[in-house]
């Protein structure tokens, strides 16, 4: 499957790093253009390449990691995602104040899913601090717990395979409502915690 990453901030770059270390190829795009990606691309070649917005949004699996208020610019304009997997790696905060976004009773992933019509949304990779996400999931001698939630079991299987491949320990928290609520920041109890499973 072709993998795209939208966003090259702390979280997007961390996702790119952990995928590249596992030998998984991905294409990344950001709003500042290819020139701003030179250092990241040089460090993660040949597994990470830069692409156009159309390339990345057209991938089979798209990781989205951008500030909440820029989601419209980053992923808007796609009328039907055609059942492709979109990974919500975001937290519903207004920057730079970190004020929670008003979601009118929805979880952040339910609100995100409304922005990507026709996509199979999986919430993942948002709950870890970027330096932990970019690091080796086996660094403590076990496997770092990596949570995910989603309403489409087959989509979670595919993201679970990626978590396995990078060395993490996947934990399925259920659907976007119940599981997403546990993972979201602010409000959920799981973000920023570092759980490690020792076999």
C-alpha atoms as a PDB file:
ATOM      1  CA  UNK A   1       0.000   0.000   0.000  1.00  0.00           C
ATOM      2  CA  UNK A   2       1.148   3.524  -0.750  1.00  0.00           C
ATOM      3  CA  UNK A   3       1.532   5.615   2.392  1.00  0.00           C
ATOM      4  CA  UNK A   4       1.258   9.389   2.579  1.00  0.00           C
ATOM      5  CA  UNK A   5       1.991  11.786   5.441  1.00  0.00           C
ATOM      6  CA  UNK A   6       0.369  15.219   5.602  1.00  0.00           C
ATOM      7  CA  UNK A   7       2.375  17.516   7.837  1.00  0.00           C
ATOM      8  CA  UNK A   8       6.051  17.682   8.739  1.00  0.00           C
ATOM      9  CA  UNK A   9       5.905  19.208  12.197  1.00  0.00           C
ATOM     10  CA  UNK A  10       6.951  17.339  15.300  1.00  0.00           C
ATOM     11  CA  UNK A  11       4.364  14.559  14.945  1.00  0.00           C
ATOM     12  CA  UNK A  12       4.498  14.188  11.168  1.00  0.00           C
ATOM     13  CA  UNK A  13       8.292  14.060  11.225  1.00  0.00           C
ATOM     14  CA  UNK A  14       8.201  11.505  14.046  1.00  0.00           C
ATOM     15  CA  UNK A  15       5.864   9.281  12.041  1.00  0.00           C
ATOM     16  CA  UNK A  16       8.145   9.584   9.021  1.00  0.00           C
ATOM     17  CA  UNK A  17      11.163   8.653  11.140  1.00  0.00           C
ATOM     18  CA  UNK A  18       9.661   5.579  12.732  1.00  0.00           C
ATOM     19  CA  UNK A  19       8.337   4.314   9.392  1.00  0.00           C
ATOM     20  CA  UNK A  20      11.671   4.853   7.649  1.00  0.00           C
ATOM     21  CA  UNK A  21      13.564   3.063  10.394  1.00  0.00           C
ATOM     22  CA  UNK A  22      11.312   0.050   9.815  1.00  0.00           C
ATOM     23  CA  UNK A  23      11.973   0.189   6.068  1.00  0.00           C
ATOM     24  CA  UNK A  24       8.466   1.385   5.225  1.00  0.00           C
ATOM     25  CA  UNK A  25       8.290   3.806   2.312  1.00  0.00           C
ATOM     26  CA  UNK A  26       6.180   6.949   2.582  1.00  0.00           C
ATOM     27  CA  UNK A  27       5.625  10.219   0.758  1.00  0.00           C
ATOM     28  CA  UNK A  28       5.297  13.458   2.726  1.00  0.00           C
ATOM     29  CA  UNK A  29       3.923  16.909   1.999  1.00  0.00           C
ATOM     30  CA  UNK A  30       3.707  20.101   4.031  1.00  0.00           C
ATOM     31  CA  UNK A  31       2.506  23.637   3.462  1.00  0.00           C
ATOM     32  CA  UNK A  32       5.988  25.157   3.301  1.00  0.00           C
ATOM     33  CA  UNK A  33       7.174  23.198   0.273  1.00  0.00           C
ATOM     34  CA  UNK A  34       9.937  20.758  -0.597  1.00  0.00           C
ATOM     35  CA  UNK A  35      12.750  23.131   0.333  1.00  0.00           C
ATOM     36  CA  UNK A  36      11.725  23.048   3.980  1.00  0.00           C
ATOM     37  CA  UNK A  37      11.875  19.235   3.953  1.00  0.00           C
ATOM     38  CA  UNK A  38      15.486  18.918   2.796  1.00  0.00           C
ATOM     39  CA  UNK A  39      17.006  17.972   6.155  1.00  0.00           C
ATOM     40  CA  UNK A  40      14.216  15.521   7.002  1.00  0.00           C
ATOM     41  CA  UNK A  41      14.406  13.876   3.583  1.00  0.00           C
ATOM     42  CA  UNK A  42      18.198  13.616   3.706  1.00  0.00           C
ATOM     43  CA  UNK A  43      18.065  11.875   7.058  1.00  0.00           C
ATOM     44  CA  UNK A  44      15.361   9.401   6.081  1.00  0.00           C
ATOM     45  CA  UNK A  45      16.285   8.611   2.463  1.00  0.00           C
ATOM     46  CA  UNK A  46      15.559   6.458   0.562  1.00  0.00           C
ATOM     47  CA  UNK A  47      12.385   5.486   2.417  1.00  0.00           C
ATOM     48  CA  UNK A  48      10.911   8.986   2.683  1.00  0.00           C
ATOM     49  CA  UNK A  49      10.260  11.115  -0.382  1.00  0.00           C
ATOM     50  CA  UNK A  50       8.473  14.412  -0.949  1.00  0.00           C
ATOM     51  CA  UNK A  51       5.357  14.507  -3.075  1.00  0.00           C
ATOM     52  CA  UNK A  52       2.628  16.820  -4.219  1.00  0.00           C
ATOM     53  CA  UNK A  53      -0.536  17.322  -2.215  1.00  0.00           C
ATOM     54  CA  UNK A  54      -2.373  15.221  -4.801  1.00  0.00           C
ATOM     55  CA  UNK A  55       0.181  12.393  -4.501  1.00  0.00           C
ATOM     56  CA  UNK A  56      -0.079  12.243  -0.737  1.00  0.00           C
ATOM     57  CA  UNK A  57      -3.843  12.632  -0.452  1.00  0.00           C
ATOM     58  CA  UNK A  58      -4.223   9.908  -3.083  1.00  0.00           C
ATOM     59  CA  UNK A  59      -2.264   7.300  -1.116  1.00  0.00           C
ATOM     60  CA  UNK A  60      -3.893   4.128   0.197  1.00  0.00           C
ATOM     61  CA  UNK A  61      -3.102   5.103   3.792  1.00  0.00           C
ATOM     62  CA  UNK A  62      -2.830   8.790   4.692  1.00  0.00           C
ATOM     63  CA  UNK A  63      -1.452   9.924   8.059  1.00  0.00           C
ATOM     64  CA  UNK A  64      -2.683  13.435   8.881  1.00  0.00           C
ATOM     65  CA  UNK A  65      -0.670  15.358  11.468  1.00  0.00           C
ATOM     66  CA  UNK A  66      -1.287  19.087  11.218  1.00  0.00           C
ATOM     67  CA  UNK A  67      -2.586  21.762  13.613  1.00  0.00           C
ATOM     68  CA  UNK A  68      -6.350  21.403  13.976  1.00  0.00           C
ATOM     69  CA  UNK A  69      -7.116  24.861  12.595  1.00  0.00           C
ATOM     70  CA  UNK A  70      -5.212  24.048   9.368  1.00  0.00           C
ATOM     71  CA  UNK A  71      -6.978  20.777   8.634  1.00  0.00           C
ATOM     72  CA  UNK A  72      -9.271  22.381   6.088  1.00  0.00           C
ATOM     73  CA  UNK A  73      -6.354  23.667   4.027  1.00  0.00           C
ATOM     74  CA  UNK A  74      -4.400  20.431   4.420  1.00  0.00           C
ATOM     75  CA  UNK A  75      -7.029  17.851   3.493  1.00  0.00           C
ATOM     76  CA  UNK A  76      -9.989  19.817   2.146  1.00  0.00           C
ATOM     77  CA  UNK A  77     -11.265  19.514  -1.381  1.00  0.00           C
ATOM     78  CA  UNK A  78     -11.479  15.726  -1.567  1.00  0.00           C
ATOM     79  CA  UNK A  79     -15.168  14.988  -2.081  1.00  0.00           C
ATOM     80  CA  UNK A  80     -14.893  11.227  -1.608  1.00  0.00           C
ATOM     81  CA  UNK A  81     -11.954   9.331  -0.121  1.00  0.00           C
ATOM     82  CA  UNK A  82     -13.246   6.108  -1.646  1.00  0.00           C
ATOM     83  CA  UNK A  83     -12.756   3.886   1.371  1.00  0.00           C
ATOM     84  CA  UNK A  84      -9.072   4.705   1.751  1.00  0.00           C
ATOM     85  CA  UNK A  85      -7.612   4.698   5.269  1.00  0.00           C
ATOM     86  CA  UNK A  86      -7.000   8.066   6.876  1.00  0.00           C
ATOM     87  CA  UNK A  87      -5.145   8.096  10.186  1.00  0.00           C
ATOM     88  CA  UNK A  88      -6.158  10.905  12.521  1.00  0.00           C
ATOM     89  CA  UNK A  89      -2.981  11.863  14.378  1.00  0.00           C
ATOM     90  CA  UNK A  90      -4.350  15.217  15.515  1.00  0.00           C
ATOM     91  CA  UNK A  91      -5.515  16.876  18.715  1.00  0.00           C
ATOM     92  CA  UNK A  92      -8.322  19.425  18.766  1.00  0.00           C
ATOM     93  CA  UNK A  93      -6.504  22.502  20.039  1.00  0.00           C
ATOM     94  CA  UNK A  94      -6.424  26.092  18.859  1.00  0.00           C
ATOM     95  CA  UNK A  95      -2.849  27.231  18.448  1.00  0.00           C
ATOM     96  CA  UNK A  96      -0.915  28.920  19.877  1.00  0.00           C
ATOM     97  CA  UNK A  97      -3.262  29.272  22.885  1.00  0.00           C
ATOM     98  CA  UNK A  98      -3.858  25.496  23.241  1.00  0.00           C
ATOM     99  CA  UNK A  99      -7.508  26.280  23.866  1.00  0.00           C
ATOM    100  CA  UNK A 100      -9.734  23.222  23.287  1.00  0.00           C
ATOM    101  CA  UNK A 101     -11.803  23.371  20.109  1.00  0.00           C
ATOM    102  CA  UNK A 102     -15.567  23.278  20.624  1.00  0.00           C
ATOM    103  CA  UNK A 103     -16.724  19.978  19.104  1.00  0.00           C
ATOM    104  CA  UNK A 104     -20.406  20.094  20.098  1.00  0.00           C
ATOM    105  CA  UNK A 105     -20.394  16.755  21.867  1.00  0.00           C
ATOM    106  CA  UNK A 106     -18.336  14.860  19.298  1.00  0.00           C
ATOM    107  CA  UNK A 107     -14.978  13.282  19.941  1.00  0.00           C
ATOM    108  CA  UNK A 108     -12.181  14.886  17.949  1.00  0.00           C
ATOM    109  CA  UNK A 109     -12.019  11.815  15.709  1.00  0.00           C
ATOM    110  CA  UNK A 110     -15.734  11.930  14.990  1.00  0.00           C
ATOM    111  CA  UNK A 111     -15.309  15.580  14.015  1.00  0.00           C
ATOM    112  CA  UNK A 112     -12.253  14.685  11.938  1.00  0.00           C
ATOM    113  CA  UNK A 113     -14.170  11.913  10.156  1.00  0.00           C
ATOM    114  CA  UNK A 114     -16.678  14.489   8.931  1.00  0.00           C
ATOM    115  CA  UNK A 115     -13.806  16.260   7.139  1.00  0.00           C
ATOM    116  CA  UNK A 116     -12.827  13.160   5.142  1.00  0.00           C
ATOM    117  CA  UNK A 117     -16.060  11.838   3.598  1.00  0.00           C
ATOM    118  CA  UNK A 118     -15.854   8.249   2.461  1.00  0.00           C
ATOM    119  CA  UNK A 119     -12.636   7.536   4.388  1.00  0.00           C
ATOM    120  CA  UNK A 120     -12.081   4.746   6.872  1.00  0.00           C
ATOM    121  CA  UNK A 121     -10.727   6.742   9.820  1.00  0.00           C
ATOM    122  CA  UNK A 122      -8.395   5.293  12.429  1.00  0.00           C
ATOM    123  CA  UNK A 123      -7.295   7.361  15.407  1.00  0.00           C
ATOM    124  CA  UNK A 124      -3.628   6.589  16.171  1.00  0.00           C
ATOM    125  CA  UNK A 125      -0.197   8.136  16.766  1.00  0.00           C
ATOM    126  CA  UNK A 126      -1.653  11.244  18.438  1.00  0.00           C
ATOM    127  CA  UNK A 127      -1.291  10.200  22.073  1.00  0.00           C
ATOM    128  CA  UNK A 128       2.504   9.978  22.375  1.00  0.00           C
ATOM    129  CA  UNK A 129       5.000  12.758  22.911  1.00  0.00           C
ATOM    130  CA  UNK A 130       6.864  13.302  19.620  1.00  0.00           C
ATOM    131  CA  UNK A 131      10.270  12.220  20.942  1.00  0.00           C
ATOM    132  CA  UNK A 132       8.785   8.921  22.111  1.00  0.00           C
ATOM    133  CA  UNK A 133       6.914   8.442  18.858  1.00  0.00           C
ATOM    134  CA  UNK A 134      10.109   9.008  16.879  1.00  0.00           C
ATOM    135  CA  UNK A 135      12.147   6.753  19.129  1.00  0.00           C
ATOM    136  CA  UNK A 136      12.603   3.015  19.118  1.00  0.00           C
ATOM    137  CA  UNK A 137       9.406   1.385  20.495  1.00  0.00           C
ATOM    138  CA  UNK A 138      11.652  -1.296  22.022  1.00  0.00           C
ATOM    139  CA  UNK A 139      13.996   1.180  23.713  1.00  0.00           C
ATOM    140  CA  UNK A 140      13.004   0.216  27.262  1.00  0.00           C
ATOM    141  CA  UNK A 141      13.481  -3.479  26.573  1.00  0.00           C
ATOM    142  CA  UNK A 142       9.826  -4.243  25.910  1.00  0.00           C
ATOM    143  CA  UNK A 143       7.374  -2.905  23.351  1.00  0.00           C
ATOM    144  CA  UNK A 144       5.772   0.506  23.688  1.00  0.00           C
ATOM    145  CA  UNK A 145       1.965   0.469  23.779  1.00  0.00           C
ATOM    146  CA  UNK A 146       0.421   2.220  20.800  1.00  0.00           C
ATOM    147  CA  UNK A 147      -3.317   2.805  20.954  1.00  0.00           C
ATOM    148  CA  UNK A 148      -5.745   2.963  18.080  1.00  0.00           C
ATOM    149  CA  UNK A 149      -9.478   3.385  17.623  1.00  0.00           C
ATOM    150  CA  UNK A 150     -11.801   3.211  14.655  1.00  0.00           C
ATOM    151  CA  UNK A 151     -15.168   2.049  13.419  1.00  0.00           C
ATOM    152  CA  UNK A 152     -13.810  -0.094  10.554  1.00  0.00           C
ATOM    153  CA  UNK A 153     -12.156  -3.336  11.754  1.00  0.00           C
ATOM    154  CA  UNK A 154     -10.326  -3.973   8.464  1.00  0.00           C
ATOM    155  CA  UNK A 155      -8.784  -0.508   8.551  1.00  0.00           C
ATOM    156  CA  UNK A 156      -7.555  -1.093  12.098  1.00  0.00           C
ATOM    157  CA  UNK A 157      -5.985  -4.369  10.953  1.00  0.00           C
ATOM    158  CA  UNK A 158      -3.867  -2.456   8.412  1.00  0.00           C
ATOM    159  CA  UNK A 159      -2.744   0.166  10.926  1.00  0.00           C
ATOM    160  CA  UNK A 160      -2.092  -2.613  13.437  1.00  0.00           C
ATOM    161  CA  UNK A 161       0.261  -4.215  10.906  1.00  0.00           C
ATOM    162  CA  UNK A 162       2.200  -0.951  10.703  1.00  0.00           C
ATOM    163  CA  UNK A 163       2.414  -0.737  14.489  1.00  0.00           C
ATOM    164  CA  UNK A 164       3.697  -4.321  14.555  1.00  0.00           C
ATOM    165  CA  UNK A 165       6.243  -3.569  11.842  1.00  0.00           C
ATOM    166  CA  UNK A 166       7.737  -0.600  13.691  1.00  0.00           C
ATOM    167  CA  UNK A 167       8.024  -2.642  16.880  1.00  0.00           C
ATOM    168  CA  UNK A 168       5.133  -1.281  18.910  1.00  0.00           C
ATOM    169  CA  UNK A 169       2.458  -3.160  20.835  1.00  0.00           C
ATOM    170  CA  UNK A 170      -0.964  -2.371  19.437  1.00  0.00           C
ATOM    171  CA  UNK A 171      -3.981  -1.906  21.668  1.00  0.00           C
ATOM    172  CA  UNK A 172      -7.388  -1.531  20.023  1.00  0.00           C
ATOM    173  CA  UNK A 173      -9.618   0.708  22.134  1.00  0.00           C
ATOM    174  CA  UNK A 174     -12.768   0.234  20.059  1.00  0.00           C
ATOM    175  CA  UNK A 175     -14.679   2.763  17.994  1.00  0.00           C
ATOM    176  CA  UNK A 176     -14.071   6.428  17.284  1.00  0.00           C
ATOM    177  CA  UNK A 177     -16.500   7.482  19.997  1.00  0.00           C
ATOM    178  CA  UNK A 178     -15.460   5.381  22.968  1.00  0.00           C
ATOM    179  CA  UNK A 179     -11.852   4.721  21.981  1.00  0.00           C
ATOM    180  CA  UNK A 180     -11.293   8.142  20.488  1.00  0.00           C
ATOM    181  CA  UNK A 181     -12.453   9.757  23.710  1.00  0.00           C
ATOM    182  CA  UNK A 182      -9.824   7.833  25.689  1.00  0.00           C
ATOM    183  CA  UNK A 183      -7.048   8.921  23.310  1.00  0.00           C
ATOM    184  CA  UNK A 184      -7.913  12.504  22.548  1.00  0.00           C
ATOM    185  CA  UNK A 185      -6.104  15.491  23.969  1.00  0.00           C
ATOM    186  CA  UNK A 186      -7.393  17.407  25.790  1.00  0.00           C
ATOM    187  CA  UNK A 187      -9.828  15.345  27.837  1.00  0.00           C
ATOM    188  CA  UNK A 188      -8.676  11.766  27.406  1.00  0.00           C
ATOM    189  CA  UNK A 189      -6.753   9.882  30.098  1.00  0.00           C
ATOM    190  CA  UNK A 190      -4.151   8.252  27.813  1.00  0.00           C
ATOM    191  CA  UNK A 191      -2.206  11.012  26.000  1.00  0.00           C
ATOM    192  CA  UNK A 192       1.412  11.602  27.066  1.00  0.00           C
ATOM    193  CA  UNK A 193       1.609   8.334  29.028  1.00  0.00           C
ATOM    194  CA  UNK A 194       4.358   5.863  28.155  1.00  0.00           C
ATOM    195  CA  UNK A 195       3.234   2.272  28.669  1.00  0.00           C
ATOM    196  CA  UNK A 196       5.665  -0.530  27.854  1.00  0.00           C
ATOM    197  CA  UNK A 197       4.775  -4.218  27.628  1.00  0.00           C
ATOM    198  CA  UNK A 198       7.422  -6.663  28.817  1.00  0.00           C
ATOM    199  CA  UNK A 199       6.849 -10.162  27.427  1.00  0.00           C
END
